[in-house]
Protein backbone atom coordinates (compact mmCIF):
# COMPACT_ATOMS: atom_id res chain seq x y z
CA UNK A 1 28.61 -68.76 28.79
CA UNK A 2 31.71 -68.79 28.41
CA UNK A 3 32.78 -71.89 28.55
CA UNK A 4 30.23 -73.18 25.11
CA UNK A 5 32.45 -70.83 23.51
CA UNK A 6 35.83 -72.03 24.54
CA UNK A 7 33.90 -74.87 23.19
CA UNK A 8 33.26 -73.63 19.98
CA UNK A 9 36.48 -72.18 19.66
CA UNK A 10 38.40 -75.23 19.64
CA UNK A 11 35.94 -76.70 17.87
CA UNK A 12 36.33 -74.50 15.06
CA UNK A 13 40.12 -74.93 15.67
CA UNK A 14 40.39 -78.47 15.46
CA UNK A 15 38.02 -78.50 11.99
CA UNK A 16 40.01 -75.65 9.85
CA UNK A 17 43.42 -77.89 10.96
CA UNK A 18 42.12 -81.61 10.00
CA UNK A 19 40.42 -79.57 6.66
CA UNK A 20 43.57 -78.17 6.42
CA UNK A 21 45.54 -81.03 6.94
CA UNK A 22 43.44 -82.65 4.32
CA UNK A 23 44.05 -80.08 1.79
CA UNK A 24 47.33 -79.97 1.49
CA UNK A 25 47.67 -83.76 1.29
CA UNK A 26 47.42 -84.28 -2.29
CA UNK A 27 48.92 -81.31 -3.31
CA UNK A 28 52.02 -82.27 -0.85
CA UNK A 29 51.59 -86.02 -2.83
CA UNK A 30 51.40 -84.38 -6.38
CA UNK A 31 54.89 -82.52 -5.68
CA UNK A 32 56.24 -85.47 -4.00
CA UNK A 33 55.65 -87.38 -7.67
CA UNK A 34 56.38 -84.53 -9.55
CA UNK A 35 59.86 -84.28 -7.68
CA UNK A 36 60.31 -87.99 -7.84
CA UNK A 37 59.90 -88.20 -11.73
CA UNK A 38 62.10 -85.32 -12.21
CA UNK A 39 64.69 -87.53 -10.23
CA UNK A 40 64.18 -90.38 -12.53
CA UNK A 41 64.08 -88.53 -15.70
CA UNK A 42 67.65 -86.50 -14.65
CA UNK A 43 69.14 -90.50 -13.89
CA UNK A 44 68.25 -91.35 -17.47
CA UNK A 45 70.22 -88.23 -18.38
CA UNK A 46 73.82 -88.98 -15.73
CA UNK A 47 73.39 -92.11 -17.49
CA UNK A 48 73.73 -91.08 -21.09
CA UNK A 49 76.07 -88.89 -19.83
CA UNK A 50 78.31 -91.43 -18.29
CA UNK A 51 77.91 -93.33 -21.48
CA UNK A 52 78.63 -90.68 -23.41
CA UNK A 53 81.76 -90.00 -21.28
CA UNK A 54 83.16 -93.65 -21.81
CA UNK A 55 82.17 -93.46 -25.35
CA UNK A 56 83.95 -90.48 -26.21
CA UNK A 57 80.91 -88.20 -27.46
CA UNK A 58 79.87 -85.95 -24.89
CA UNK A 59 77.26 -83.34 -26.50
CA UNK A 60 78.06 -80.83 -24.00
CA UNK A 61 74.97 -78.27 -25.08
CA UNK A 62 72.61 -81.25 -24.41
CA UNK A 63 74.11 -81.80 -21.37
CA UNK A 64 75.20 -78.65 -19.51
CA UNK A 65 73.38 -75.55 -18.82
CA UNK A 66 74.81 -71.82 -20.68
CA UNK A 67 76.36 -71.31 -16.71
CA UNK A 68 77.18 -74.69 -15.69
CA UNK A 69 80.29 -75.48 -13.66
CA UNK A 70 81.89 -78.19 -12.38
CA UNK A 71 84.12 -78.52 -8.86
CA UNK A 72 86.02 -81.68 -9.06
CA UNK A 73 87.68 -82.96 -5.92
CA UNK A 74 90.65 -84.94 -5.66
CA UNK A 75 93.90 -84.82 -3.48
CA UNK A 76 95.60 -81.63 -4.35
CA UNK A 77 93.59 -78.49 -4.41
CA UNK A 78 90.34 -78.00 -5.69
CA UNK A 79 89.08 -77.18 -9.18
CA UNK A 80 86.39 -75.13 -10.67
CA UNK A 81 85.89 -75.69 -13.93
CA UNK A 82 83.74 -74.22 -16.75
CA UNK A 83 81.95 -76.78 -19.55
CA UNK A 84 84.63 -75.42 -21.79
CA UNK A 85 87.84 -76.15 -19.17
CA UNK A 86 85.60 -79.57 -18.91
CA UNK A 87 85.68 -80.11 -22.69
CA UNK A 88 89.66 -79.79 -22.95
CA UNK A 89 90.12 -82.24 -19.56
CA UNK A 90 88.20 -84.36 -21.29
CA UNK A 91 90.10 -84.15 -24.87
CA UNK A 92 93.67 -85.03 -22.72
CA UNK A 93 91.92 -87.45 -20.60
CA UNK A 94 90.79 -89.35 -23.56
CA UNK A 95 94.66 -88.89 -25.51
CA UNK A 96 95.90 -91.34 -22.98
CA UNK A 97 92.72 -93.26 -21.85
CA UNK A 98 90.02 -95.66 -22.01
CA UNK A 99 86.64 -95.62 -19.26
CA UNK A 100 84.53 -97.43 -18.59
CA UNK A 101 81.70 -97.50 -15.78
CA UNK A 102 80.58 -100.71 -14.25
CA UNK A 103 76.95 -101.86 -13.40
CA UNK A 104 75.73 -101.54 -11.29
CA UNK A 105 75.38 -97.32 -11.33
CA UNK A 106 73.97 -96.53 -7.62
CA UNK A 107 71.69 -93.59 -7.94
CA UNK A 108 70.54 -91.55 -4.45
CA UNK A 109 67.94 -88.85 -4.82
CA UNK A 110 70.01 -84.95 -3.99
CA UNK A 111 67.99 -83.08 -1.26
CA UNK A 112 67.10 -79.35 -0.82
CA UNK A 113 69.50 -78.45 1.78
CA UNK A 114 66.92 -76.16 3.49
CA UNK A 115 63.77 -78.00 2.92
CA UNK A 116 64.84 -81.89 3.09
CA UNK A 117 62.74 -83.34 0.43
CA UNK A 118 63.41 -84.48 -2.86
CA UNK A 119 64.41 -81.78 -5.22
CA UNK A 120 65.15 -83.51 -8.90
CA UNK A 121 68.89 -83.60 -7.97
CA UNK A 122 71.19 -86.77 -8.25
CA UNK A 123 74.26 -87.90 -6.74
CA UNK A 124 75.62 -91.50 -8.49
CA UNK A 125 78.04 -94.13 -6.99
CA UNK A 126 80.04 -96.08 -10.01
CA UNK A 127 82.96 -97.73 -10.36
CA UNK A 128 85.42 -96.41 -12.90
CA UNK A 129 87.27 -98.62 -14.72
CA UNK A 130 90.27 -95.94 -16.09
CA UNK A 131 92.66 -97.94 -18.65
CA UNK A 132 96.15 -96.62 -19.95
CA UNK A 133 96.42 -97.17 -23.53
CA UNK A 134 100.66 -97.06 -23.00
CA UNK A 135 101.21 -99.42 -20.74
CA UNK A 136 97.65 -102.13 -21.14
CA UNK A 137 97.49 -101.62 -17.56
CA UNK A 138 93.80 -100.84 -15.62
CA UNK A 139 92.51 -100.18 -11.88
CA UNK A 140 88.94 -100.00 -10.98
CA UNK A 141 88.20 -96.96 -8.59
CA UNK A 142 84.75 -95.73 -6.75
CA UNK A 143 83.58 -92.39 -8.39
CA UNK A 144 81.23 -90.30 -6.16
CA UNK A 145 79.10 -87.65 -8.17
CA UNK A 146 76.28 -85.06 -7.31
CA UNK A 147 74.65 -83.49 -10.26
CA UNK A 148 72.29 -80.23 -10.19
CA UNK A 149 69.46 -79.73 -12.84
CA UNK A 150 68.05 -76.47 -14.18
CA UNK A 151 63.62 -76.71 -14.91
CA UNK A 152 65.27 -78.14 -18.76
CA UNK A 153 67.16 -81.34 -17.15
CA UNK A 154 70.20 -79.22 -17.80
CA UNK A 155 73.51 -79.98 -15.13
CA UNK A 156 74.00 -76.79 -13.16
CA UNK A 157 76.50 -78.08 -11.08
CA UNK A 158 78.55 -81.41 -11.20
CA UNK A 159 80.94 -82.13 -7.94
CA UNK A 160 83.50 -85.24 -9.02
CA UNK A 161 84.58 -86.74 -6.10
CA UNK A 162 87.64 -89.70 -7.31
CA UNK A 163 91.31 -88.87 -8.00
CA UNK A 164 92.19 -89.50 -11.21
CA UNK A 165 95.53 -87.95 -11.26
CA UNK A 166 96.33 -90.89 -8.25
CA UNK A 167 94.95 -93.73 -10.98
CA UNK A 168 96.30 -91.82 -13.77
CA UNK A 169 100.17 -92.28 -11.90
CA UNK A 170 99.21 -95.51 -10.39
CA UNK A 171 98.19 -97.41 -14.58
CA UNK A 172 101.01 -95.22 -16.15
CA UNK A 173 103.61 -96.73 -13.51
CA UNK A 174 105.82 -99.81 -15.01
CA UNK A 175 107.71 -100.10 -12.33
CA UNK A 176 107.07 -104.12 -11.11
CA UNK A 177 106.54 -105.00 -7.91
CA UNK A 178 110.43 -106.71 -7.56
CA UNK A 179 111.82 -103.84 -9.31
CA UNK A 180 110.27 -101.77 -6.29
CA UNK A 181 111.87 -104.17 -3.84
CA UNK A 182 115.39 -104.24 -5.45
CA UNK A 183 115.93 -100.13 -5.49
CA UNK A 184 114.27 -100.46 -2.01
CA UNK A 185 117.41 -103.06 -0.86
CA UNK A 186 119.97 -101.34 -2.78
CA UNK A 187 119.08 -97.46 -1.28
CA UNK A 188 118.76 -99.79 2.10
CA UNK A 189 122.35 -101.46 1.51
CA UNK A 190 123.82 -98.03 0.16
CA UNK A 191 122.50 -96.13 3.55
CA UNK A 192 124.75 -98.96 5.76
CA UNK A 193 127.85 -97.98 4.01
């Protein structure tokens, strides 16, 4: 008698487990599809934002929510900016430099840190061409950015990895290779005398 009740109990457990996993499957698939749809829409938002940045015509209220912040990770201290700070930074940069994003833009879905599932956030790798208006010199630098979004599809956080300060210094330095060599030779000969 005891064996039959154990078998019955085990059978009920497996049937419940099987039915429970079947019932949660479509829901998980639907959740995953919703997250992928949100991710695709957010990728398009990022693409439009990058284009607006390069065209120097960003409608900040269309892209950022009211409490968004921007983190710039480059050589030196970490900078955390408000949207207002970022507007001023962009204005100063646009006064002296032109920007162009080279295709392809490589998007990667962000993953919720605790649940390990796609959460609609966007990670992006680009090649950014920066041109100095004063010297005409330019360079192409790799950039990585992370975008987190609210439910309305606006940025809540942007993290920027790329050293624009070094790029600006590099293309604004008008010394040629020859003058650098001459300066080095002059310093070497003065130190030997």
